[in-house]
Amino acid sequence: MKILMPLCVATIVGAGIWVLEAQRQTLRVAQVLGAPDVYDGKTVRVTGQVIHNVGLFGAGAYLLTDGRSQVAVVTSEGVPLEGQMVEVEGTFHVALSIGAVQHAVIIVGGGTR
């Protein structure tokens, strides 16, 4: 019994860590844009290349592409250089939806890596 309790606790903690890491999975831009209803309002982590940027006083916006799709990223934590590969974590929002056309944005408060 003394061994069983720590083993159960370790199993539960390990499962919890695995679930948290699965939720923090890095996605491609196309994956997020392909299921906007699933990700709208949720924290996502995407990776891609910066293709356009604009910044002022450390804040700004940029377009991130995975080669297929692109999404706007708005940040208060500095703007990466055009051509730079970045991983971004932020809140995904469908900003505008007209029929089948949707424009989305990722709001970043934690910067880029």
C-alpha atoms as a PDB file:
ATOM      1  CA  MET A   1       0.000   0.000   0.000  1.00  0.00           C
ATOM      2  CA  LYS A   2       2.893   2.377   0.800  1.00  0.00           C
ATOM      3  CA  ILE A   3       4.259   1.902  -2.734  1.00  0.00           C
ATOM      4  CA  LEU A   4       0.869   2.026  -4.466  1.00  0.00           C
ATOM      5  CA  MET A   5      -0.057   5.560  -3.338  1.00  0.00           C
ATOM      6  CA  PRO A   6       3.126   7.290  -4.646  1.00  0.00           C
ATOM      7  CA  LEU A   7       2.822   5.295  -7.879  1.00  0.00           C
ATOM      8  CA  CYS A   8      -0.780   6.491  -8.357  1.00  0.00           C
ATOM      9  CA  VAL A   9       0.199  10.102  -7.634  1.00  0.00           C
ATOM     10  CA  ALA A  10       3.118   9.913 -10.075  1.00  0.00           C
ATOM     11  CA  THR A  11       0.833   8.454 -12.758  1.00  0.00           C
ATOM     12  CA  ILE A  12      -1.774  11.190 -12.300  1.00  0.00           C
ATOM     13  CA  VAL A  13       0.851  13.966 -12.346  1.00  0.00           C
ATOM     14  CA  GLY A  14       2.496  12.465 -15.430  1.00  0.00           C
ATOM     15  CA  ALA A  15      -0.845  12.239 -17.238  1.00  0.00           C
ATOM     16  CA  GLY A  16      -1.603  15.858 -16.349  1.00  0.00           C
ATOM     17  CA  ILE A  17       1.725  17.049 -17.748  1.00  0.00           C
ATOM     18  CA  TRP A  18       1.149  15.039 -20.939  1.00  0.00           C
ATOM     19  CA  VAL A  19      -2.307  16.616 -21.415  1.00  0.00           C
ATOM     20  CA  LEU A  20      -0.914  20.134 -20.896  1.00  0.00           C
ATOM     21  CA  GLU A  21       1.879  19.550 -23.416  1.00  0.00           C
ATOM     22  CA  ALA A  22      -0.598  18.126 -25.956  1.00  0.00           C
ATOM     23  CA  GLN A  23      -2.659  21.298 -25.596  1.00  0.00           C
ATOM     24  CA  ARG A  24       0.454  23.411 -26.242  1.00  0.00           C
ATOM     25  CA  GLN A  25       1.151  21.687 -29.569  1.00  0.00           C
ATOM     26  CA  THR A  26       2.679  23.896 -32.261  1.00  0.00           C
ATOM     27  CA  LEU A  27       0.352  24.143 -35.263  1.00  0.00           C
ATOM     28  CA  ARG A  28       0.725  25.320 -38.827  1.00  0.00           C
ATOM     29  CA  VAL A  29      -1.192  28.451 -39.823  1.00  0.00           C
ATOM     30  CA  ALA A  30      -3.274  26.373 -42.268  1.00  0.00           C
ATOM     31  CA  GLN A  31      -4.365  24.041 -39.458  1.00  0.00           C
ATOM     32  CA  VAL A  32      -5.724  26.917 -37.365  1.00  0.00           C
ATOM     33  CA  LEU A  33      -7.369  28.672 -40.306  1.00  0.00           C
ATOM     34  CA  GLY A  34      -8.843  25.345 -41.448  1.00  0.00           C
ATOM     35  CA  ALA A  35     -10.849  25.025 -38.216  1.00  0.00           C
ATOM     36  CA  PRO A  36     -11.603  28.597 -37.085  1.00  0.00           C
ATOM     37  CA  ASP A  37     -14.633  27.577 -35.009  1.00  0.00           C
ATOM     38  CA  VAL A  38     -12.450  25.195 -32.995  1.00  0.00           C
ATOM     39  CA  TYR A  39      -9.723  27.736 -32.238  1.00  0.00           C
ATOM     40  CA  ASP A  40     -11.681  31.022 -32.020  1.00  0.00           C
ATOM     41  CA  GLY A  41     -10.990  32.633 -28.632  1.00  0.00           C
ATOM     42  CA  LYS A  42      -8.435  29.978 -27.672  1.00  0.00           C
ATOM     43  CA  THR A  43      -4.700  30.166 -27.112  1.00  0.00           C
ATOM     44  CA  VAL A  44      -2.778  28.714 -30.046  1.00  0.00           C
ATOM     45  CA  ARG A  45       0.889  28.247 -30.836  1.00  0.00           C
ATOM     46  CA  VAL A  46       1.808  28.577 -34.517  1.00  0.00           C
ATOM     47  CA  THR A  47       5.047  28.629 -36.425  1.00  0.00           C
ATOM     48  CA  GLY A  48       5.866  30.295 -39.687  1.00  0.00           C
ATOM     49  CA  GLN A  49       7.788  32.935 -41.579  1.00  0.00           C
ATOM     50  CA  VAL A  50       7.215  36.677 -41.232  1.00  0.00           C
ATOM     51  CA  ILE A  51       6.343  38.098 -44.666  1.00  0.00           C
ATOM     52  CA  HIS A  52       5.297  41.685 -43.817  1.00  0.00           C
ATOM     53  CA  ASN A  53       5.671  43.734 -40.659  1.00  0.00           C
ATOM     54  CA  VAL A  54       4.950  47.133 -39.203  1.00  0.00           C
ATOM     55  CA  GLY A  55       6.019  48.355 -35.799  1.00  0.00           C
ATOM     56  CA  LEU A  56       6.033  51.475 -33.686  1.00  0.00           C
ATOM     57  CA  PHE A  57       7.481  51.893 -30.175  1.00  0.00           C
ATOM     58  CA  GLY A  58       7.863  48.133 -29.653  1.00  0.00           C
ATOM     59  CA  ALA A  59       4.325  47.209 -30.685  1.00  0.00           C
ATOM     60  CA  GLY A  60       2.966  46.340 -34.091  1.00  0.00           C
ATOM     61  CA  ALA A  61       1.691  43.666 -36.407  1.00  0.00           C
ATOM     62  CA  TYR A  62       2.982  41.215 -38.966  1.00  0.00           C
ATOM     63  CA  LEU A  63       1.791  38.560 -41.390  1.00  0.00           C
ATOM     64  CA  LEU A  64       2.880  35.009 -40.639  1.00  0.00           C
ATOM     65  CA  THR A  65       2.829  32.311 -43.319  1.00  0.00           C
ATOM     66  CA  ASP A  66       3.415  28.582 -43.399  1.00  0.00           C
ATOM     67  CA  GLY A  67       3.777  28.636 -47.187  1.00  0.00           C
ATOM     68  CA  ARG A  68       0.086  27.865 -47.760  1.00  0.00           C
ATOM     69  CA  SER A  69      -1.846  30.234 -45.528  1.00  0.00           C
ATOM     70  CA  GLN A  70      -1.215  33.465 -43.693  1.00  0.00           C
ATOM     71  CA  VAL A  71      -2.540  35.087 -40.537  1.00  0.00           C
ATOM     72  CA  ALA A  72      -2.113  38.538 -39.034  1.00  0.00           C
ATOM     73  CA  VAL A  73      -0.367  38.732 -35.670  1.00  0.00           C
ATOM     74  CA  VAL A  74      -0.798  41.777 -33.423  1.00  0.00           C
ATOM     75  CA  THR A  75       1.707  42.177 -30.611  1.00  0.00           C
ATOM     76  CA  SER A  76       2.794  44.544 -27.888  1.00  0.00           C
ATOM     77  CA  GLU A  77       6.087  42.687 -27.459  1.00  0.00           C
ATOM     78  CA  GLY A  78       8.096  43.776 -30.512  1.00  0.00           C
ATOM     79  CA  VAL A  79       7.919  42.840 -34.166  1.00  0.00           C
ATOM     80  CA  PRO A  80      10.242  40.263 -35.766  1.00  0.00           C
ATOM     81  CA  LEU A  81      12.102  40.966 -38.996  1.00  0.00           C
ATOM     82  CA  GLU A  82      10.674  40.062 -42.397  1.00  0.00           C
ATOM     83  CA  GLY A  83      11.928  36.631 -43.463  1.00  0.00           C
ATOM     84  CA  GLN A  84      12.446  35.486 -39.858  1.00  0.00           C
ATOM     85  CA  MET A  85      11.020  32.111 -38.777  1.00  0.00           C
ATOM     86  CA  VAL A  86       9.112  32.465 -35.504  1.00  0.00           C
ATOM     87  CA  GLU A  87       6.943  30.508 -33.125  1.00  0.00           C
ATOM     88  CA  VAL A  88       4.091  32.581 -31.722  1.00  0.00           C
ATOM     89  CA  GLU A  89       1.673  31.883 -28.887  1.00  0.00           C
ATOM     90  CA  GLY A  90      -1.433  34.034 -28.577  1.00  0.00           C
ATOM     91  CA  THR A  91      -5.208  34.162 -28.685  1.00  0.00           C
ATOM     92  CA  PHE A  92      -6.768  33.361 -32.052  1.00  0.00           C
ATOM     93  CA  HIS A  93      -9.773  35.406 -33.166  1.00  0.00           C
ATOM     94  CA  VAL A  94     -11.881  35.364 -36.293  1.00  0.00           C
ATOM     95  CA  ALA A  95     -11.802  39.114 -36.915  1.00  0.00           C
ATOM     96  CA  LEU A  96     -14.132  39.335 -39.917  1.00  0.00           C
ATOM     97  CA  SER A  97     -16.366  36.824 -41.619  1.00  0.00           C
ATOM     98  CA  ILE A  98     -18.185  37.545 -44.887  1.00  0.00           C
ATOM     99  CA  GLY A  99     -19.774  34.409 -46.261  1.00  0.00           C
ATOM    100  CA  ALA A 100     -17.062  31.795 -46.744  1.00  0.00           C
ATOM    101  CA  VAL A 101     -14.282  34.391 -46.481  1.00  0.00           C
ATOM    102  CA  GLN A 102     -12.783  34.792 -43.030  1.00  0.00           C
ATOM    103  CA  HIS A 103      -9.979  37.010 -41.816  1.00  0.00           C
ATOM    104  CA  ALA A 104      -8.298  36.075 -38.571  1.00  0.00           C
ATOM    105  CA  VAL A 105      -5.816  37.544 -36.143  1.00  0.00           C
ATOM    106  CA  ILE A 106      -3.648  36.209 -33.345  1.00  0.00           C
ATOM    107  CA  ILE A 107      -3.243  38.596 -30.401  1.00  0.00           C
ATOM    108  CA  VAL A 108       0.128  38.109 -28.690  1.00  0.00           C
ATOM    109  CA  GLY A 109       0.968  39.320 -25.236  1.00  0.00           C
ATOM    110  CA  GLY A 110       3.977  37.102 -24.622  1.00  0.00           C
ATOM    111  CA  GLY A 111       6.158  37.896 -27.624  1.00  0.00           C
ATOM    112  CA  THR A 112       7.845  35.612 -30.137  1.00  0.00           C
ATOM    113  CA  ARG A 113      10.522  32.972 -29.821  1.00  0.00           C
END
